[in-house]
């Protein structure tokens, strides 16, 4: 007879048989190893646990412990966690992030009018205050209406970043999913 092990996933306790526990443990260990020293490591791992718990909860109340086959199916549904390490301890991690293509988007986070300066700052990897100061100086030295027309044109031509993928593309790096 296999031993039942109680685990907490996303605030709910589940009873797993030993093989299911070992499968889950290996999955979460791979995720933790892949994340390395990433700043959002704990949040990502907690999110994985919540997701696994939510998917297991769909099965309703159980009298028997969850088996290895059910936990394996649930983990397939959640997704793979294998791949290169994401933590900053990798010497080439910074170059991986910087080599991602950037895309110009307007950004809601920190916007004053329409997010054009915020998007340009993210795209150019500059401080948004510097970009705003350059826009004001350009307006002063080149004629106010030219810069206003350019800004209004960018408001309509540059798309607003709505998903975490678009926000990451604006910054040219992988970022935690703050918004979906």
Protein backbone atom coordinates (compact mmCIF):
# COMPACT_ATOMS: atom_id res chain seq x y z
CA UNK A 1 0.00 0.00 0.00
CA UNK A 2 1.36 3.41 -1.01
CA UNK A 3 1.65 6.21 1.50
CA UNK A 4 -0.57 9.29 1.01
CA UNK A 5 1.22 12.62 1.30
CA UNK A 6 -0.61 15.86 1.95
CA UNK A 7 0.49 18.92 -0.06
CA UNK A 8 -0.74 22.50 -0.14
CA UNK A 9 -1.22 23.94 -3.63
CA UNK A 10 -2.57 27.45 -3.84
CA UNK A 11 -4.12 27.36 -0.38
CA UNK A 12 -5.89 24.00 -0.79
CA UNK A 13 -4.65 20.70 0.60
CA UNK A 14 -4.48 17.64 -1.63
CA UNK A 15 -3.65 14.06 -0.83
CA UNK A 16 -1.16 12.54 -3.29
CA UNK A 17 0.19 9.04 -3.48
CA UNK A 18 3.97 8.73 -3.26
CA UNK A 19 4.56 8.50 -7.03
CA UNK A 20 2.36 11.56 -7.66
CA UNK A 21 4.23 13.48 -4.96
CA UNK A 22 7.60 12.60 -6.47
CA UNK A 23 6.38 13.65 -9.94
CA UNK A 24 5.09 16.98 -8.60
CA UNK A 25 8.25 17.53 -6.56
CA UNK A 26 10.47 16.90 -9.61
CA UNK A 27 8.37 19.30 -11.71
CA UNK A 28 8.59 22.11 -9.15
CA UNK A 29 12.33 21.45 -8.63
CA UNK A 30 12.91 21.81 -12.40
CA UNK A 31 10.96 25.07 -12.38
CA UNK A 32 12.94 26.38 -9.41
CA UNK A 33 16.23 25.35 -11.01
CA UNK A 34 15.31 27.02 -14.30
CA UNK A 35 14.37 30.26 -12.55
CA UNK A 36 17.64 30.30 -10.61
CA UNK A 37 18.01 33.66 -8.86
CA UNK A 38 15.40 35.42 -11.02
CA UNK A 39 13.85 38.30 -9.03
CA UNK A 40 10.29 36.99 -9.57
CA UNK A 41 11.19 33.38 -8.75
CA UNK A 42 8.97 33.01 -5.67
CA UNK A 43 5.98 34.62 -7.40
CA UNK A 44 6.35 32.37 -10.45
CA UNK A 45 6.62 29.24 -8.32
CA UNK A 46 3.58 30.27 -6.24
CA UNK A 47 1.69 30.89 -9.49
CA UNK A 48 2.61 27.43 -10.75
CA UNK A 49 1.38 25.88 -7.52
CA UNK A 50 -1.91 27.84 -7.74
CA UNK A 51 -2.37 26.76 -11.35
CA UNK A 52 -1.75 23.10 -10.50
CA UNK A 53 -4.14 23.37 -7.53
CA UNK A 54 -6.84 24.97 -9.69
CA UNK A 55 -6.59 22.24 -12.30
CA UNK A 56 -6.69 19.51 -9.64
CA UNK A 57 -9.74 21.15 -8.00
CA UNK A 58 -11.75 20.55 -11.17
CA UNK A 59 -11.83 16.87 -10.21
CA UNK A 60 -14.00 17.66 -7.17
CA UNK A 61 -13.86 15.93 -3.78
CA UNK A 62 -11.77 12.76 -3.66
CA UNK A 63 -11.76 9.85 -1.29
CA UNK A 64 -8.54 8.33 -2.68
CA UNK A 65 -5.19 10.08 -3.04
CA UNK A 66 -4.33 11.61 -6.43
CA UNK A 67 -2.26 9.20 -8.51
CA UNK A 68 0.79 9.68 -10.67
CA UNK A 69 -1.19 9.49 -13.91
CA UNK A 70 -3.56 12.29 -12.86
CA UNK A 71 -0.77 14.55 -11.62
CA UNK A 72 1.22 13.92 -14.83
CA UNK A 73 -1.83 14.87 -16.94
CA UNK A 74 -2.30 18.02 -14.84
CA UNK A 75 1.36 19.00 -15.21
CA UNK A 76 1.15 18.50 -18.99
CA UNK A 77 -1.81 20.87 -18.96
CA UNK A 78 0.11 23.47 -16.94
CA UNK A 79 3.06 23.26 -19.34
CA UNK A 80 6.74 22.41 -19.50
CA UNK A 81 9.25 24.11 -17.25
CA UNK A 82 12.36 22.81 -18.98
CA UNK A 83 14.74 25.10 -20.82
CA UNK A 84 17.70 27.35 -20.17
CA UNK A 85 18.17 28.91 -16.75
CA UNK A 86 16.71 32.39 -16.34
CA UNK A 87 18.61 33.58 -13.29
CA UNK A 88 21.25 36.33 -13.42
CA UNK A 89 23.99 33.91 -12.37
CA UNK A 90 24.37 32.95 -16.03
CA UNK A 91 27.17 34.96 -17.59
CA UNK A 92 25.27 35.28 -20.88
CA UNK A 93 21.79 35.89 -19.36
CA UNK A 94 21.94 39.65 -19.84
CA UNK A 95 22.88 39.28 -23.51
CA UNK A 96 19.94 36.85 -24.00
CA UNK A 97 17.54 39.47 -22.71
CA UNK A 98 19.11 42.34 -24.62
CA UNK A 99 19.13 40.43 -27.90
CA UNK A 100 15.35 40.11 -27.94
CA UNK A 101 13.83 42.35 -30.61
CA UNK A 102 12.18 45.51 -29.35
CA UNK A 103 8.93 46.86 -30.67
CA UNK A 104 7.58 50.35 -30.25
CA UNK A 105 4.36 50.42 -28.23
CA UNK A 106 2.59 53.08 -26.21
CA UNK A 107 2.64 52.09 -22.53
CA UNK A 108 -0.04 52.80 -19.91
CA UNK A 109 2.34 52.36 -17.00
CA UNK A 110 3.60 55.84 -16.07
CA UNK A 111 1.92 57.67 -18.93
CA UNK A 112 1.03 61.36 -18.69
CA UNK A 113 -1.04 61.83 -21.87
CA UNK A 114 -1.10 58.85 -24.23
CA UNK A 115 1.97 56.82 -23.26
CA UNK A 116 4.05 57.84 -26.30
CA UNK A 117 7.04 59.11 -24.28
CA UNK A 118 6.83 56.09 -21.97
CA UNK A 119 6.88 53.76 -24.98
CA UNK A 120 9.79 55.59 -26.60
CA UNK A 121 11.71 55.47 -23.31
CA UNK A 122 11.15 51.72 -22.99
CA UNK A 123 12.09 51.14 -26.63
CA UNK A 124 15.28 53.21 -26.37
CA UNK A 125 16.07 52.01 -22.82
CA UNK A 126 16.10 55.59 -21.52
CA UNK A 127 14.59 57.28 -18.50
CA UNK A 128 11.09 58.54 -19.33
CA UNK A 129 11.91 61.90 -17.70
CA UNK A 130 14.77 62.38 -20.15
CA UNK A 131 12.52 61.56 -23.12
CA UNK A 132 9.89 64.04 -21.90
CA UNK A 133 12.56 66.74 -21.43
CA UNK A 134 13.83 66.12 -24.97
CA UNK A 135 10.29 66.46 -26.34
CA UNK A 136 9.83 69.78 -24.52
CA UNK A 137 13.21 71.04 -25.77
CA UNK A 138 12.41 69.91 -29.30
CA UNK A 139 9.08 71.73 -29.12
CA UNK A 140 10.82 74.88 -27.93
CA UNK A 141 13.59 74.88 -30.55
CA UNK A 142 11.81 73.50 -33.62
CA UNK A 143 8.39 75.00 -33.37
CA UNK A 144 5.70 73.87 -31.03
CA UNK A 145 3.23 72.72 -33.68
CA UNK A 146 5.67 70.36 -35.42
CA UNK A 147 6.35 68.38 -32.24
CA UNK A 148 2.66 68.37 -31.25
CA UNK A 149 1.72 67.08 -34.72
CA UNK A 150 4.38 64.36 -34.46
CA UNK A 151 3.16 63.37 -30.96
CA UNK A 152 -0.49 63.23 -32.09
CA UNK A 153 0.53 61.18 -35.12
CA UNK A 154 2.37 58.70 -32.89
CA UNK A 155 -0.69 58.49 -30.61
CA UNK A 156 -2.67 57.09 -33.53
CA UNK A 157 0.05 55.10 -35.31
CA UNK A 158 1.78 53.36 -32.40
CA UNK A 159 -0.32 50.58 -30.82
CA UNK A 160 -0.99 50.44 -27.09
CA UNK A 161 0.67 47.50 -25.31
CA UNK A 162 -2.19 45.54 -23.73
CA UNK A 163 -0.67 42.14 -22.89
CA UNK A 164 2.39 41.13 -20.91
CA UNK A 165 3.97 39.84 -24.15
CA UNK A 166 3.57 43.24 -25.81
CA UNK A 167 4.93 45.02 -22.72
CA UNK A 168 7.94 42.68 -22.77
CA UNK A 169 8.45 43.38 -26.48
CA UNK A 170 8.40 47.12 -25.76
CA UNK A 171 11.22 46.65 -23.25
CA UNK A 172 13.04 44.09 -25.38
CA UNK A 173 13.28 41.63 -22.50
CA UNK A 174 11.39 38.93 -20.69
CA UNK A 175 9.40 40.49 -17.88
CA UNK A 176 7.08 39.09 -15.32
CA UNK A 177 3.48 39.06 -16.39
CA UNK A 178 2.18 42.05 -14.50
CA UNK A 179 -0.81 42.51 -16.75
CA UNK A 180 -2.68 40.11 -19.03
